Protein backbone atom coordinates (compact mmCIF):
# COMPACT_ATOMS: atom_id res chain seq x y z
CA MET A 1 -7.27 23.34 136.01
CA SER A 2 -3.58 21.75 135.86
CA LEU A 3 -5.51 19.34 138.84
CA LYS A 4 -7.74 18.61 136.83
CA LEU A 5 -5.85 17.13 134.09
CA LEU A 6 -3.16 15.44 136.32
CA THR A 7 -6.66 13.75 137.76
CA ALA A 8 -7.58 12.77 134.44
CA CYS A 9 -3.91 11.30 133.68
CA LEU A 10 -4.00 9.44 136.94
CA GLY A 11 -7.10 7.78 134.74
CA CYS A 12 -6.20 7.17 131.79
CA MET A 13 -2.81 5.79 133.60
CA LYS A 14 -4.79 3.40 135.98
CA LYS A 15 -6.64 1.91 132.42
CA LEU A 16 -2.82 2.13 130.59
CA ALA A 17 -2.26 -0.32 134.07
CA LEU A 18 -4.86 -2.93 132.82
CA ILE A 19 -4.82 -3.16 129.13
CA ILE A 20 -0.64 -2.98 129.44
CA PRO A 21 -0.18 -6.90 130.88
CA PHE A 22 -3.11 -7.92 128.82
CA LEU A 23 -1.57 -6.61 125.66
CA VAL A 24 2.23 -8.47 126.46
CA ILE A 25 0.46 -11.65 127.32
CA LEU A 26 -1.63 -11.56 123.89
CA LEU A 27 1.54 -10.15 121.56
CA SER A 28 3.73 -12.93 123.11
CA ALA A 29 1.68 -15.61 122.26
CA CYS A 30 1.70 -14.38 118.82
CA ASP A 31 5.89 -15.54 117.86
CA ASN A 32 6.64 -16.22 114.34
CA ASN A 33 9.18 -17.90 115.09
CA PHE A 34 8.53 -21.46 114.72
CA ASP A 35 10.27 -24.44 114.36
CA SER A 36 8.70 -26.41 111.90
CA SER A 37 9.50 -29.59 112.95
CA GLU A 38 7.06 -28.96 116.07
CA ILE A 39 4.05 -28.63 112.90
CA ASN A 40 3.57 -31.81 111.86
CA ASN A 41 0.81 -33.31 112.60
CA SER A 42 -0.78 -34.57 108.56
CA ALA A 43 0.85 -35.73 105.70
CA ASP A 44 -0.24 -33.23 104.08
CA MET A 45 2.06 -30.34 105.89
CA SER A 46 4.63 -32.36 106.08
CA ALA A 47 5.25 -32.40 102.47
CA LEU A 48 5.22 -28.81 102.13
CA ILE A 49 7.58 -28.54 104.81
CA PHE A 50 9.86 -31.34 103.36
CA PHE A 51 9.65 -29.07 99.44
CA ASP A 52 9.91 -25.19 101.30
CA SER A 53 13.06 -26.43 103.02
CA ILE A 54 14.28 -27.49 99.74
CA TYR A 55 12.97 -25.19 97.53
CA ASN A 56 12.14 -21.73 99.25
CA ARG A 57 14.78 -21.90 102.67
CA ASN A 58 17.66 -23.80 101.27
CA ASP A 59 17.30 -25.85 104.30
CA PHE A 60 19.32 -29.40 103.68
CA GLN A 61 18.53 -30.69 107.27
CA THR A 62 15.00 -29.47 107.89
CA ALA A 63 13.84 -31.79 104.82
CA LEU A 64 16.46 -34.35 106.08
CA LYS A 65 14.27 -34.45 108.93
CA HIS A 66 10.86 -35.06 106.67
CA ALA A 67 12.40 -37.75 105.07
CA SER A 68 12.26 -41.32 105.70
CA PRO A 69 15.84 -43.07 106.42
CA ARG A 70 16.34 -44.69 102.61
CA MET A 71 14.96 -40.90 101.37
CA GLN A 72 17.57 -39.13 103.65
CA ARG A 73 20.34 -41.44 102.60
CA LEU A 74 19.45 -41.22 98.63
CA MET A 75 19.56 -37.15 99.61
CA LYS A 76 22.72 -37.43 101.47
CA SER A 77 24.21 -39.06 98.13
CA TYR A 78 23.38 -34.93 96.42
CA HIS A 79 24.68 -33.01 99.18
CA THR A 80 22.92 -30.32 98.49
CA SER A 81 19.28 -28.91 98.16
CA THR A 82 20.45 -27.36 94.90
CA ASN A 83 21.38 -30.73 93.97
CA VAL A 84 18.26 -32.70 95.40
CA ALA A 85 15.84 -30.56 92.93
CA ARG A 86 18.15 -30.81 90.18
CA HIS A 87 18.62 -34.60 89.95
CA LEU A 88 16.07 -36.25 92.55
CA ILE A 89 12.77 -33.69 92.21
CA ASN A 90 13.87 -32.98 88.47
CA LEU A 91 12.38 -29.41 89.15
CA ARG A 92 14.49 -26.33 89.18
CA TYR A 93 13.37 -23.05 89.62
CA ASP A 94 15.24 -19.68 90.02
CA GLY A 95 14.09 -17.37 92.98
CA GLU A 96 10.61 -18.23 95.21
CA VAL A 97 8.85 -21.25 94.29
CA ILE A 98 4.81 -21.05 95.57
CA MET A 99 3.42 -24.64 96.62
CA GLU A 100 -0.07 -25.92 96.58
CA ILE A 101 -2.02 -29.11 97.86
CA ASP A 102 -4.19 -31.00 95.56
CA ALA A 103 -7.08 -31.08 97.68
CA GLY A 104 -8.40 -33.54 95.43
CA ASP A 105 -5.80 -36.45 97.08
CA SER A 106 -7.30 -36.01 100.41
CA VAL A 107 -10.59 -37.50 100.14
CA GLY A 108 -11.26 -40.71 101.65
CA ARG A 109 -7.87 -40.01 103.79
CA SER A 110 -8.07 -41.91 107.24
CA GLU A 111 -6.26 -40.63 110.25
CA PHE A 112 -5.30 -44.02 110.78
CA ALA A 113 -3.37 -44.72 107.79
CA THR A 114 -0.34 -44.80 108.10
CA ARG A 115 0.38 -44.28 104.13
CA GLN A 116 -0.71 -41.68 101.73
CA LYS A 117 -0.13 -40.05 98.97
CA VAL A 118 0.07 -36.43 98.61
CA SER A 119 0.57 -34.18 95.08
CA VAL A 120 1.54 -30.75 95.53
CA PHE A 121 1.39 -28.09 92.92
CA PHE A 122 4.75 -25.79 92.18
CA THR A 123 4.07 -22.44 90.44
CA GLY A 124 7.75 -20.55 89.98
CA ASN A 125 10.09 -19.03 87.67
CA TYR A 126 13.32 -20.76 85.36
CA GLN A 127 15.27 -18.76 83.47
CA GLY A 128 12.68 -16.03 82.43
CA ASN A 129 9.78 -18.22 82.44
CA VAL A 130 6.92 -19.42 84.49
CA VAL A 131 6.94 -22.97 85.20
CA ASP A 132 4.08 -25.06 86.55
CA GLU A 133 4.69 -28.57 87.66
CA LEU A 134 2.82 -31.10 90.08
CA ARG A 135 4.99 -33.62 91.77
CA THR A 136 3.72 -36.50 94.10
CA VAL A 137 5.11 -37.97 96.94
CA GLN A 138 4.52 -41.17 98.90
CA MET A 139 4.39 -40.34 102.80
CA ILE A 140 4.29 -42.96 104.92
CA LYS A 141 3.53 -42.55 108.86
CA GLU A 142 6.98 -43.45 111.61
CA ASP A 143 6.73 -43.39 115.14
CA GLY A 144 3.88 -40.77 114.65
CA LYS A 145 5.59 -38.49 112.11
CA TRP A 146 4.75 -38.24 108.66
CA VAL A 147 7.89 -38.10 106.69
CA VAL A 148 8.74 -38.56 102.46
CA GLU A 149 9.59 -41.79 101.55
CA ALA A 150 9.20 -41.43 97.44
CA ILE A 151 9.01 -38.81 94.69
CA LEU A 152 6.90 -40.58 92.95
CA ALA A 153 7.55 -40.76 88.69
CA ASP A 154 5.50 -38.50 86.85
CA LYS A 155 2.77 -40.22 85.17
CA PHE A 156 1.99 -37.81 82.30
CA GLY A 157 5.22 -36.43 81.94
């Protein structure tokens, strides 16, 4: 009886020997640690990375990478993500902020465009209140990469 068991185990081990390398390759391809600067193929994505770096990640350097030289100079005068959020974007939140792109802005966009406006909806809490806001940024394409050129004045505020 132990010979049957040993034979069955060997059969299972052969199958596992075939499956394990496949699983290792599959799982190694699923790396969640990505460099957000590598994902910059659209104006929308670059705008989201810019705002996420300021509000959720508190990563001033990544935000600077997604800003034009003119915007970088302005941001550097505020020194921190918190100050940029408070004074430049004029929008403060406590904790995590949910951001969504206004899909209505994407109608008629051309892959050959070098300037685009992107509107982003923000939802978060500030001093115990839920705050929903909309901000529009002017994006420009510099060296094949979309960057924030300006944060536009709120036309409804």
